[in-house]
Amino acid sequence: MNRYTLTKEIKEKYLPIVDRFIDKIEDSENLTDEEYTIDFSDTELNPYRLIEIMKELGYKEGNLNENGWQWDFSVEFTKENSKSITVWGCGMTFELNLSVSDFMQKGGM
């Protein structure tokens, strides 16, 4: 199986999860710290697949930020009239998360 392809089955499984997360963060200002992030570590998703899902939902991909040898990365996504969302994680430990960008900038993660 190609790990870079966003298959129909994976898209049908995870796109609704990401969409519900976005709806939740758009509709509430009083979330707990844990609710500003969804963890996709140890799932069928990888950064490429999650980025493709964000594009499917109409988000525009920003620049990839990475720190080299530690393999930490982040990509911010924007969409008109929506909160900015960041895909981030660590290639060394296979972490993959989706967070509200403002929450991350305030030191939430």
PDB file of N, CA and C in Angstrom:
ATOM      1  N   MET A   1       0.848  -1.191   0.000  1.00  0.00           N
ATOM      2  CA  MET A   1       0.000   0.000   0.000  1.00  0.00           C
ATOM      3  C   MET A   1       0.886   1.246   0.000  1.00  0.00           C
ATOM      4  N   ASN A   2       0.550   2.178  -0.815  1.00  0.00           N
ATOM      5  CA  ASN A   2       1.270   3.444  -0.887  1.00  0.00           C
ATOM      6  C   ASN A   2       0.873   4.322   0.289  1.00  0.00           C
ATOM      7  N   ARG A   3       1.816   4.697   1.110  1.00  0.00           N
ATOM      8  CA  ARG A   3       1.519   5.486   2.311  1.00  0.00           C
ATOM      9  C   ARG A   3       1.308   6.964   2.033  1.00  0.00           C
ATOM     10  N   TYR A   4       1.542   7.381   0.797  1.00  0.00           N
ATOM     11  CA  TYR A   4       1.403   8.799   0.468  1.00  0.00           C
ATOM     12  C   TYR A   4       0.075   9.116  -0.183  1.00  0.00           C
ATOM     13  N   THR A   5      -0.630   8.119  -0.628  1.00  0.00           N
ATOM     14  CA  THR A   5      -1.891   8.335  -1.307  1.00  0.00           C
ATOM     15  C   THR A   5      -3.019   8.479  -0.292  1.00  0.00           C
ATOM     16  N   LEU A   6      -3.847   9.487  -0.497  1.00  0.00           N
ATOM     17  CA  LEU A   6      -5.052   9.628   0.319  1.00  0.00           C
ATOM     18  C   LEU A   6      -6.138   8.824  -0.375  1.00  0.00           C
ATOM     19  N   THR A   7      -6.308   7.585   0.062  1.00  0.00           N
ATOM     20  CA  THR A   7      -7.289   6.710  -0.570  1.00  0.00           C
ATOM     21  C   THR A   7      -8.706   7.156  -0.214  1.00  0.00           C
ATOM     22  N   LYS A   8      -9.645   6.688  -0.979  1.00  0.00           N
ATOM     23  CA  LYS A   8     -11.057   6.994  -0.734  1.00  0.00           C
ATOM     24  C   LYS A   8     -11.467   6.537   0.666  1.00  0.00           C
ATOM     25  N   GLU A   9     -11.007   5.352   1.059  1.00  0.00           N
ATOM     26  CA  GLU A   9     -11.380   4.806   2.364  1.00  0.00           C
ATOM     27  C   GLU A   9     -10.827   5.654   3.514  1.00  0.00           C
ATOM     28  N   ILE A  10      -9.572   6.063   3.403  1.00  0.00           N
ATOM     29  CA  ILE A  10      -8.979   6.885   4.456  1.00  0.00           C
ATOM     30  C   ILE A  10      -9.643   8.260   4.490  1.00  0.00           C
ATOM     31  N   LYS A  11      -9.895   8.824   3.331  1.00  0.00           N
ATOM     32  CA  LYS A  11     -10.569  10.122   3.263  1.00  0.00           C
ATOM     33  C   LYS A  11     -11.960  10.051   3.887  1.00  0.00           C
ATOM     34  N   GLU A  12     -12.713   9.011   3.559  1.00  0.00           N
ATOM     35  CA  GLU A  12     -14.064   8.864   4.115  1.00  0.00           C
ATOM     36  C   GLU A  12     -14.043   8.653   5.624  1.00  0.00           C
ATOM     37  N   LYS A  13     -12.984   8.062   6.121  1.00  0.00           N
ATOM     38  CA  LYS A  13     -12.866   7.816   7.563  1.00  0.00           C
ATOM     39  C   LYS A  13     -12.461   9.078   8.327  1.00  0.00           C
ATOM     40  N   TYR A  14     -11.469   9.821   7.816  1.00  0.00           N
ATOM     41  CA  TYR A  14     -10.882  10.914   8.591  1.00  0.00           C
ATOM     42  C   TYR A  14     -11.405  12.312   8.243  1.00  0.00           C
ATOM     43  N   LEU A  15     -11.881  12.535   7.026  1.00  0.00           N
ATOM     44  CA  LEU A  15     -12.393  13.862   6.684  1.00  0.00           C
ATOM     45  C   LEU A  15     -13.530  14.282   7.612  1.00  0.00           C
ATOM     46  N   PRO A  16     -14.499  13.408   7.912  1.00  0.00           N
ATOM     47  CA  PRO A  16     -15.550  13.816   8.862  1.00  0.00           C
ATOM     48  C   PRO A  16     -15.022  14.126  10.264  1.00  0.00           C
ATOM     49  N   ILE A  17     -13.978  13.422  10.698  1.00  0.00           N
ATOM     50  CA  ILE A  17     -13.390  13.676  12.019  1.00  0.00           C
ATOM     51  C   ILE A  17     -12.761  15.060  12.049  1.00  0.00           C
ATOM     52  N   VAL A  18     -11.990  15.387  11.007  1.00  0.00           N
ATOM     53  CA  VAL A  18     -11.363  16.710  10.920  1.00  0.00           C
ATOM     54  C   VAL A  18     -12.440  17.789  10.798  1.00  0.00           C
ATOM     55  N   ASP A  19     -13.456  17.547  10.001  1.00  0.00           N
ATOM     56  CA  ASP A  19     -14.542  18.514   9.813  1.00  0.00           C
ATOM     57  C   ASP A  19     -15.277  18.780  11.126  1.00  0.00           C
ATOM     58  N   ARG A  20     -15.537  17.745  11.918  1.00  0.00           N
ATOM     59  CA  ARG A  20     -16.192  17.934  13.226  1.00  0.00           C
ATOM     60  C   ARG A  20     -15.307  18.732  14.175  1.00  0.00           C
ATOM     61  N   PHE A  21     -14.004  18.456  14.155  1.00  0.00           N
ATOM     62  CA  PHE A  21     -13.061  19.221  14.981  1.00  0.00           C
ATOM     63  C   PHE A  21     -13.113  20.698  14.604  1.00  0.00           C
ATOM     64  N   ILE A  22     -13.101  20.991  13.324  1.00  0.00           N
ATOM     65  CA  ILE A  22     -13.153  22.382  12.864  1.00  0.00           C
ATOM     66  C   ILE A  22     -14.465  23.032  13.278  1.00  0.00           C
ATOM     67  N   ASP A  23     -15.577  22.334  13.116  1.00  0.00           N
ATOM     68  CA  ASP A  23     -16.871  22.880  13.550  1.00  0.00           C
ATOM     69  C   ASP A  23     -16.862  23.200  15.037  1.00  0.00           C
ATOM     70  N   LYS A  24     -16.288  22.315  15.828  1.00  0.00           N
ATOM     71  CA  LYS A  24     -16.240  22.511  17.284  1.00  0.00           C
ATOM     72  C   LYS A  24     -15.439  23.754  17.639  1.00  0.00           C
ATOM     73  N   ILE A  25     -14.277  23.932  17.016  1.00  0.00           N
ATOM     74  CA  ILE A  25     -13.439  25.075  17.372  1.00  0.00           C
ATOM     75  C   ILE A  25     -13.999  26.383  16.823  1.00  0.00           C
ATOM     76  N   GLU A  26     -14.755  26.318  15.746  1.00  0.00           N
ATOM     77  CA  GLU A  26     -15.354  27.529  15.179  1.00  0.00           C
ATOM     78  C   GLU A  26     -16.542  27.994  16.010  1.00  0.00           C
ATOM     79  N   ASP A  27     -17.235  27.058  16.645  1.00  0.00           N
ATOM     80  CA  ASP A  27     -18.470  27.369  17.358  1.00  0.00           C
ATOM     81  C   ASP A  27     -18.277  27.705  18.825  1.00  0.00           C
ATOM     82  N   SER A  28     -17.054  27.576  19.352  1.00  0.00           N
ATOM     83  CA  SER A  28     -16.868  27.787  20.778  1.00  0.00           C
ATOM     84  C   SER A  28     -15.607  28.584  21.061  1.00  0.00           C
ATOM     85  N   GLU A  29     -15.714  29.454  22.025  1.00  0.00           N
ATOM     86  CA  GLU A  29     -14.558  30.228  22.493  1.00  0.00           C
ATOM     87  C   GLU A  29     -14.076  29.745  23.854  1.00  0.00           C
ATOM     88  N   ASN A  30     -14.824  28.856  24.478  1.00  0.00           N
ATOM     89  CA  ASN A  30     -14.517  28.421  25.841  1.00  0.00           C
ATOM     90  C   ASN A  30     -14.153  26.942  25.893  1.00  0.00           C
ATOM     91  N   LEU A  31     -13.180  26.557  25.109  1.00  0.00           N
ATOM     92  CA  LEU A  31     -12.756  25.168  25.098  1.00  0.00           C
ATOM     93  C   LEU A  31     -11.649  24.945  26.120  1.00  0.00           C
ATOM     94  N   THR A  32     -11.543  23.727  26.603  1.00  0.00           N
ATOM     95  CA  THR A  32     -10.404  23.389  27.460  1.00  0.00           C
ATOM     96  C   THR A  32      -9.163  23.286  26.581  1.00  0.00           C
ATOM     97  N   ASP A  33      -7.989  23.365  27.180  1.00  0.00           N
ATOM     98  CA  ASP A  33      -6.746  23.296  26.407  1.00  0.00           C
ATOM     99  C   ASP A  33      -6.698  22.057  25.516  1.00  0.00           C
ATOM    100  N   GLU A  34      -7.143  20.927  26.014  1.00  0.00           N
ATOM    101  CA  GLU A  34      -7.101  19.684  25.258  1.00  0.00           C
ATOM    102  C   GLU A  34      -7.989  19.725  24.022  1.00  0.00           C
ATOM    103  N   GLU A  35      -9.034  20.536  24.055  1.00  0.00           N
ATOM    104  CA  GLU A  35      -9.964  20.581  22.933  1.00  0.00           C
ATOM    105  C   GLU A  35      -9.473  21.431  21.762  1.00  0.00           C
ATOM    106  N   TYR A  36      -8.383  22.148  21.923  1.00  0.00           N
ATOM    107  CA  TYR A  36      -7.833  22.958  20.832  1.00  0.00           C
ATOM    108  C   TYR A  36      -6.927  22.134  19.915  1.00  0.00           C
ATOM    109  N   THR A  37      -6.710  20.877  20.239  1.00  0.00           N
ATOM    110  CA  THR A  37      -5.836  20.007  19.458  1.00  0.00           C
ATOM    111  C   THR A  37      -6.479  18.637  19.312  1.00  0.00           C
ATOM    112  N   ILE A  38      -6.293  18.044  18.138  1.00  0.00           N
ATOM    113  CA  ILE A  38      -6.691  16.657  17.930  1.00  0.00           C
ATOM    114  C   ILE A  38      -5.441  15.886  17.523  1.00  0.00           C
ATOM    115  N   ASP A  39      -5.226  14.759  18.155  1.00  0.00           N
ATOM    116  CA  ASP A  39      -4.019  13.954  17.968  1.00  0.00           C
ATOM    117  C   ASP A  39      -4.286  12.832  16.967  1.00  0.00           C
ATOM    118  N   PHE A  40      -3.518  12.829  15.884  1.00  0.00           N
ATOM    119  CA  PHE A  40      -3.635  11.777  14.882  1.00  0.00           C
ATOM    120  C   PHE A  40      -2.406  10.870  14.860  1.00  0.00           C
ATOM    121  N   SER A  41      -1.604  10.907  15.920  1.00  0.00           N
ATOM    122  CA  SER A  41      -0.449  10.023  16.013  1.00  0.00           C
ATOM    123  C   SER A  41      -0.929   8.572  16.027  1.00  0.00           C
ATOM    124  N   ASP A  42      -0.148   7.690  15.455  1.00  0.00           N
ATOM    125  CA  ASP A  42      -0.448   6.255  15.442  1.00  0.00           C
ATOM    126  C   ASP A  42      -1.770   5.930  14.759  1.00  0.00           C
ATOM    127  N   THR A  43      -2.098   6.683  13.714  1.00  0.00           N
ATOM    128  CA  THR A  43      -3.279   6.389  12.895  1.00  0.00           C
ATOM    129  C   THR A  43      -2.811   6.159  11.468  1.00  0.00           C
ATOM    130  N   GLU A  44      -3.748   5.952  10.580  1.00  0.00           N
ATOM    131  CA  GLU A  44      -3.419   5.780   9.164  1.00  0.00           C
ATOM    132  C   GLU A  44      -2.987   7.095   8.514  1.00  0.00           C
ATOM    133  N   LEU A  45      -3.200   8.203   9.213  1.00  0.00           N
ATOM    134  CA  LEU A  45      -2.821   9.494   8.651  1.00  0.00           C
ATOM    135  C   LEU A  45      -1.327   9.725   8.799  1.00  0.00           C
ATOM    136  N   ASN A  46      -0.785  10.447   7.869  1.00  0.00           N
ATOM    137  CA  ASN A  46       0.562  10.970   7.943  1.00  0.00           C
ATOM    138  C   ASN A  46       0.460  12.451   7.570  1.00  0.00           C
ATOM    139  N   PRO A  47       1.525  13.211   7.684  1.00  0.00           N
ATOM    140  CA  PRO A  47       1.403  14.640   7.364  1.00  0.00           C
ATOM    141  C   PRO A  47       0.839  14.901   5.974  1.00  0.00           C
ATOM    142  N   TYR A  48       1.291  14.165   4.976  1.00  0.00           N
ATOM    143  CA  TYR A  48       0.804  14.384   3.619  1.00  0.00           C
ATOM    144  C   TYR A  48      -0.703  14.166   3.528  1.00  0.00           C
ATOM    145  N   ARG A  49      -1.185  13.080   4.081  1.00  0.00           N
ATOM    146  CA  ARG A  49      -2.622  12.773   4.008  1.00  0.00           C
ATOM    147  C   ARG A  49      -3.446  13.817   4.762  1.00  0.00           C
ATOM    148  N   LEU A  50      -2.981  14.232   5.928  1.00  0.00           N
ATOM    149  CA  LEU A  50      -3.721  15.234   6.693  1.00  0.00           C
ATOM    150  C   LEU A  50      -3.733  16.573   5.951  1.00  0.00           C
ATOM    151  N   ILE A  51      -2.634  16.924   5.330  1.00  0.00           N
ATOM    152  CA  ILE A  51      -2.571  18.150   4.539  1.00  0.00           C
ATOM    153  C   ILE A  51      -3.554  18.070   3.373  1.00  0.00           C
ATOM    154  N   GLU A  52      -3.643  16.931   2.727  1.00  0.00           N
ATOM    155  CA  GLU A  52      -4.586  16.764   1.625  1.00  0.00           C
ATOM    156  C   GLU A  52      -6.035  16.889   2.102  1.00  0.00           C
ATOM    157  N   ILE A  53      -6.336  16.385   3.291  1.00  0.00           N
ATOM    158  CA  ILE A  53      -7.682  16.526   3.858  1.00  0.00           C
ATOM    159  C   ILE A  53      -7.994  17.997   4.117  1.00  0.00           C
ATOM    160  N   MET A  54      -7.029  18.737   4.646  1.00  0.00           N
ATOM    161  CA  MET A  54      -7.245  20.168   4.888  1.00  0.00           C
ATOM    162  C   MET A  54      -7.547  20.894   3.576  1.00  0.00           C
ATOM    163  N   LYS A  55      -6.845  20.540   2.523  1.00  0.00           N
ATOM    164  CA  LYS A  55      -7.102  21.139   1.207  1.00  0.00           C
ATOM    165  C   LYS A  55      -8.493  20.769   0.713  1.00  0.00           C
ATOM    166  N   GLU A  56      -8.895  19.527   0.933  1.00  0.00           N
ATOM    167  CA  GLU A  56     -10.242  19.083   0.538  1.00  0.00           C
ATOM    168  C   GLU A  56     -11.319  19.915   1.228  1.00  0.00           C
ATOM    169  N   LEU A  57     -11.024  20.361   2.445  1.00  0.00           N
ATOM    170  CA  LEU A  57     -11.983  21.167   3.208  1.00  0.00           C
ATOM    171  C   LEU A  57     -11.896  22.655   2.861  1.00  0.00           C
ATOM    172  N   GLY A  58     -11.100  22.994   1.861  1.00  0.00           N
ATOM    173  CA  GLY A  58     -11.038  24.364   1.377  1.00  0.00           C
ATOM    174  C   GLY A  58      -9.997  25.253   2.028  1.00  0.00           C
ATOM    175  N   TYR A  59      -9.086  24.667   2.782  1.00  0.00           N
ATOM    176  CA  TYR A  59      -8.043  25.450   3.439  1.00  0.00           C
ATOM    177  C   TYR A  59      -6.855  25.635   2.503  1.00  0.00           C
ATOM    178  N   LYS A  60      -6.203  26.780   2.628  1.00  0.00           N
ATOM    179  CA  LYS A  60      -5.022  27.097   1.834  1.00  0.00           C
ATOM    180  C   LYS A  60      -3.776  26.790   2.661  1.00  0.00           C
ATOM    181  N   GLU A  61      -2.862  26.047   2.052  1.00  0.00           N
ATOM    182  CA  GLU A  61      -1.640  25.617   2.722  1.00  0.00           C
ATOM    183  C   GLU A  61      -0.619  26.743   2.768  1.00  0.00           C
ATOM    184  N   GLY A  62      -0.059  26.976   3.955  1.00  0.00           N
ATOM    185  CA  GLY A  62       1.018  27.944   4.120  1.00  0.00           C
ATOM    186  C   GLY A  62       2.363  27.268   3.960  1.00  0.00           C
ATOM    187  N   ASN A  63       3.396  27.926   4.400  1.00  0.00           N
ATOM    188  CA  ASN A  63       4.751  27.399   4.287  1.00  0.00           C
ATOM    189  C   ASN A  63       5.016  26.303   5.313  1.00  0.00           C
ATOM    190  N   LEU A  64       5.841  25.347   4.918  1.00  0.00           N
ATOM    191  CA  LEU A  64       6.305  24.303   5.821  1.00  0.00           C
ATOM    192  C   LEU A  64       7.423  24.873   6.682  1.00  0.00           C
ATOM    193  N   ASN A  65       7.282  24.740   7.971  1.00  0.00           N
ATOM    194  CA  ASN A  65       8.334  25.121   8.911  1.00  0.00           C
ATOM    195  C   ASN A  65       8.887  23.843   9.514  1.00  0.00           C
ATOM    196  N   GLU A  66      10.199  23.725   9.513  1.00  0.00           N
ATOM    197  CA  GLU A  66      10.817  22.534  10.107  1.00  0.00           C
ATOM    198  C   GLU A  66      12.164  22.933  10.694  1.00  0.00           C
ATOM    199  N   ASN A  67      12.624  22.110  11.640  1.00  0.00           N
ATOM    200  CA  ASN A  67      13.852  22.471  12.337  1.00  0.00           C
ATOM    201  C   ASN A  67      15.014  21.532  12.032  1.00  0.00           C
ATOM    202  N   GLY A  68      14.933  20.831  10.925  1.00  0.00           N
ATOM    203  CA  GLY A  68      16.078  20.024  10.513  1.00  0.00           C
ATOM    204  C   GLY A  68      16.168  18.681  11.190  1.00  0.00           C
ATOM    205  N   TRP A  69      17.284  18.442  11.847  1.00  0.00           N
ATOM    206  CA  TRP A  69      17.608  17.107  12.343  1.00  0.00           C
ATOM    207  C   TRP A  69      16.618  16.556  13.357  1.00  0.00           C
ATOM    208  N   GLN A  70      15.887  17.407  14.089  1.00  0.00           N
ATOM    209  CA  GLN A  70      14.905  16.901  15.055  1.00  0.00           C
ATOM    210  C   GLN A  70      13.589  16.497  14.383  1.00  0.00           C
ATOM    211  N   TRP A  71      13.379  16.935  13.170  1.00  0.00           N
ATOM    212  CA  TRP A  71      12.221  16.590  12.363  1.00  0.00           C
ATOM    213  C   TRP A  71      10.907  17.150  12.878  1.00  0.00           C
ATOM    214  N   ASP A  72      10.953  18.214  13.669  1.00  0.00           N
ATOM    215  CA  ASP A  72       9.726  18.901  14.065  1.00  0.00           C
ATOM    216  C   ASP A  72       9.235  19.697  12.862  1.00  0.00           C
ATOM    217  N   PHE A  73       7.934  19.718  12.659  1.00  0.00           N
ATOM    218  CA  PHE A  73       7.392  20.424  11.503  1.00  0.00           C
ATOM    219  C   PHE A  73       6.046  21.066  11.855  1.00  0.00           C
ATOM    220  N   SER A  74       5.680  22.070  11.074  1.00  0.00           N
ATOM    221  CA  SER A  74       4.348  22.660  11.179  1.00  0.00           C
ATOM    222  C   SER A  74       3.997  23.319   9.850  1.00  0.00           C
ATOM    223  N   VAL A  75       2.716  23.287   9.517  1.00  0.00           N
ATOM    224  CA  VAL A  75       2.179  23.946   8.337  1.00  0.00           C
ATOM    225  C   VAL A  75       0.874  24.596   8.754  1.00  0.00           C
ATOM    226  N   GLU A  76       0.770  25.904   8.581  1.00  0.00           N
ATOM    227  CA  GLU A  76      -0.453  26.613   8.933  1.00  0.00           C
ATOM    228  C   GLU A  76      -1.394  26.658   7.737  1.00  0.00           C
ATOM    229  N   PHE A  77      -2.679  26.470   8.011  1.00  0.00           N
ATOM    230  CA  PHE A  77      -3.711  26.496   6.983  1.00  0.00           C
ATOM    231  C   PHE A  77      -4.696  27.622   7.283  1.00  0.00           C
ATOM    232  N   THR A  78      -5.089  28.321   6.243  1.00  0.00           N
ATOM    233  CA  THR A  78      -6.033  29.420   6.399  1.00  0.00           C
ATOM    234  C   THR A  78      -7.218  29.233   5.452  1.00  0.00           C
ATOM    235  N   LYS A  79      -8.315  29.794   5.874  1.00  0.00           N
ATOM    236  CA  LYS A  79      -9.536  29.783   5.067  1.00  0.00           C
ATOM    237  C   LYS A  79     -10.314  31.032   5.446  1.00  0.00           C
ATOM    238  N   GLU A  80     -10.849  31.710   4.461  1.00  0.00           N
ATOM    239  CA  GLU A  80     -11.575  32.942   4.722  1.00  0.00           C
ATOM    240  C   GLU A  80     -12.706  32.710   5.722  1.00  0.00           C
ATOM    241  N   ASN A  81     -12.810  33.611   6.686  1.00  0.00           N
ATOM    242  CA  ASN A  81     -13.839  33.575   7.735  1.00  0.00           C
ATOM    243  C   ASN A  81     -13.744  32.345   8.634  1.00  0.00           C
ATOM    244  N   SER A  82     -12.554  31.779   8.756  1.00  0.00           N
ATOM    245  CA  SER A  82     -12.336  30.628   9.631  1.00  0.00           C
ATOM    246  C   SER A  82     -11.055  30.833  10.429  1.00  0.00           C
ATOM    247  N   LYS A  83     -10.962  30.130  11.534  1.00  0.00           N
ATOM    248  CA  LYS A  83      -9.741  30.177  12.333  1.00  0.00           C
ATOM    249  C   LYS A  83      -8.610  29.475  11.585  1.00  0.00           C
ATOM    250  N   SER A  84      -7.404  29.978  11.751  1.00  0.00           N
ATOM    251  CA  SER A  84      -6.232  29.311  11.183  1.00  0.00           C
ATOM    252  C   SER A  84      -5.965  28.033  11.966  1.00  0.00           C
ATOM    253  N   ILE A  85      -5.546  27.012  11.255  1.00  0.00           N
ATOM    254  CA  ILE A  85      -5.300  25.704  11.854  1.00  0.00           C
ATOM    255  C   ILE A  85      -3.915  25.241  11.426  1.00  0.00           C
ATOM    256  N   THR A  86      -3.197  24.605  12.333  1.00  0.00           N
ATOM    257  CA  THR A  86      -1.845  24.145  12.056  1.00  0.00           C
ATOM    258  C   THR A  86      -1.750  22.625  12.151  1.00  0.00           C
ATOM    259  N   VAL A  87      -1.176  22.029  11.115  1.00  0.00           N
ATOM    260  CA  VAL A  87      -0.787  20.624  11.149  1.00  0.00           C
ATOM    261  C   VAL A  87       0.644  20.618  11.667  1.00  0.00           C
ATOM    262  N   TRP A  88       0.919  19.853  12.717  1.00  0.00           N
ATOM    263  CA  TRP A  88       2.255  19.863  13.296  1.00  0.00           C
ATOM    264  C   TRP A  88       2.586  18.506  13.908  1.00  0.00           C
ATOM    265  N   GLY A  89       3.865  18.300  14.120  1.00  0.00           N
ATOM    266  CA  GLY A  89       4.278  17.057  14.736  1.00  0.00           C
ATOM    267  C   GLY A  89       5.778  16.890  14.734  1.00  0.00           C
ATOM    268  N   CYS A  90       6.188  15.648  14.878  1.00  0.00           N
ATOM    269  CA  CYS A  90       7.611  15.311  14.935  1.00  0.00           C
ATOM    270  C   CYS A  90       7.837  14.011  14.168  1.00  0.00           C
ATOM    271  N   GLY A  91       8.662  14.082  13.140  1.00  0.00           N
ATOM    272  CA  GLY A  91       8.966  12.893  12.356  1.00  0.00           C
ATOM    273  C   GLY A  91       9.751  11.857  13.130  1.00  0.00           C
ATOM    274  N   MET A  92      10.535  12.298  14.092  1.00  0.00           N
ATOM    275  CA  MET A  92      11.364  11.375  14.860  1.00  0.00           C
ATOM    276  C   MET A  92      10.513  10.466  15.751  1.00  0.00           C
ATOM    277  N   THR A  93       9.431  11.004  16.301  1.00  0.00           N
ATOM    278  CA  THR A  93       8.575  10.231  17.199  1.00  0.00           C
ATOM    279  C   THR A  93       7.211   9.909  16.576  1.00  0.00           C
ATOM    280  N   PHE A  94       7.034  10.286  15.316  1.00  0.00           N
ATOM    281  CA  PHE A  94       5.817  10.015  14.558  1.00  0.00           C
ATOM    282  C   PHE A  94       4.575  10.666  15.155  1.00  0.00           C
ATOM    283  N   GLU A  95       4.744  11.837  15.763  1.00  0.00           N
ATOM    284  CA  GLU A  95       3.601  12.583  16.274  1.00  0.00           C
ATOM    285  C   GLU A  95       2.952  13.342  15.132  1.00  0.00           C
ATOM    286  N   LEU A  96       1.625  13.446  15.165  1.00  0.00           N
ATOM    287  CA  LEU A  96       0.877  14.190  14.163  1.00  0.00           C
ATOM    288  C   LEU A  96      -0.347  14.794  14.836  1.00  0.00           C
ATOM    289  N   ASN A  97      -0.465  16.112  14.758  1.00  0.00           N
ATOM    290  CA  ASN A  97      -1.543  16.824  15.438  1.00  0.00           C
ATOM    291  C   ASN A  97      -2.140  17.884  14.537  1.00  0.00           C
ATOM    292  N   LEU A  98      -3.336  18.294  14.901  1.00  0.00           N
ATOM    293  CA  LEU A  98      -4.030  19.401  14.255  1.00  0.00           C
ATOM    294  C   LEU A  98      -4.487  20.318  15.378  1.00  0.00           C
ATOM    295  N   SER A  99      -4.082  21.597  15.315  1.00  0.00           N
ATOM    296  CA  SER A  99      -4.397  22.534  16.402  1.00  0.00           C
ATOM    297  C   SER A  99      -4.842  23.872  15.858  1.00  0.00           C
ATOM    298  N   VAL A 100      -5.581  24.603  16.683  1.00  0.00           N
ATOM    299  CA  VAL A 100      -5.908  25.991  16.385  1.00  0.00           C
ATOM    300  C   VAL A 100      -4.603  26.777  16.459  1.00  0.00           C
ATOM    301  N   SER A 101      -4.273  27.511  15.400  1.00  0.00           N
ATOM    302  CA  SER A 101      -2.998  28.224  15.344  1.00  0.00           C
ATOM    303  C   SER A 101      -2.842  29.229  16.471  1.00  0.00           C
ATOM    304  N   ASP A 102      -3.885  29.973  16.809  1.00  0.00           N
ATOM    305  CA  ASP A 102      -3.804  30.957  17.891  1.00  0.00           C
ATOM    306  C   ASP A 102      -3.472  30.298  19.223  1.00  0.00           C
ATOM    307  N   PHE A 103      -3.994  29.119  19.470  1.00  0.00           N
ATOM    308  CA  PHE A 103      -3.716  28.382  20.694  1.00  0.00           C
ATOM    309  C   PHE A 103      -2.236  28.027  20.765  1.00  0.00           C
ATOM    310  N   MET A 104      -1.667  27.607  19.657  1.00  0.00           N
ATOM    311  CA  MET A 104      -0.252  27.243  19.633  1.00  0.00           C
ATOM    312  C   MET A 104       0.633  28.458  19.852  1.00  0.00           C
ATOM    313  N   GLN A 105       0.262  29.591  19.280  1.00  0.00           N
ATOM    314  CA  GLN A 105       1.060  30.810  19.417  1.00  0.00           C
ATOM    315  C   GLN A 105       1.038  31.336  20.857  1.00  0.00           C
ATOM    316  N   LYS A 106       0.006  31.008  21.598  1.00  0.00           N
ATOM    317  CA  LYS A 106      -0.080  31.427  23.002  1.00  0.00           C
ATOM    318  C   LYS A 106       0.678  30.477  23.923  1.00  0.00           C
ATOM    319  N   GLY A 107       1.328  29.490  23.342  1.00  0.00           N
ATOM    320  CA  GLY A 107       2.113  28.559  24.148  1.00  0.00           C
ATOM    321  C   GLY A 107       1.342  27.355  24.612  1.00  0.00           C
ATOM    322  N   GLY A 108       0.210  27.070  23.982  1.00  0.00           N
ATOM    323  CA  GLY A 108      -0.603  25.920  24.384  1.00  0.00           C
ATOM    324  C   GLY A 108       0.044  24.589  24.097  1.00  0.00           C
ATOM    325  N   MET A 109       0.941  24.546  23.122  1.00  0.00           N
ATOM    326  CA  MET A 109       1.576  23.269  22.767  1.00  0.00           C
ATOM    327  C   MET A 109       3.057  23.416  22.820  1.00  0.00           C
TER     328      MET A 109
END
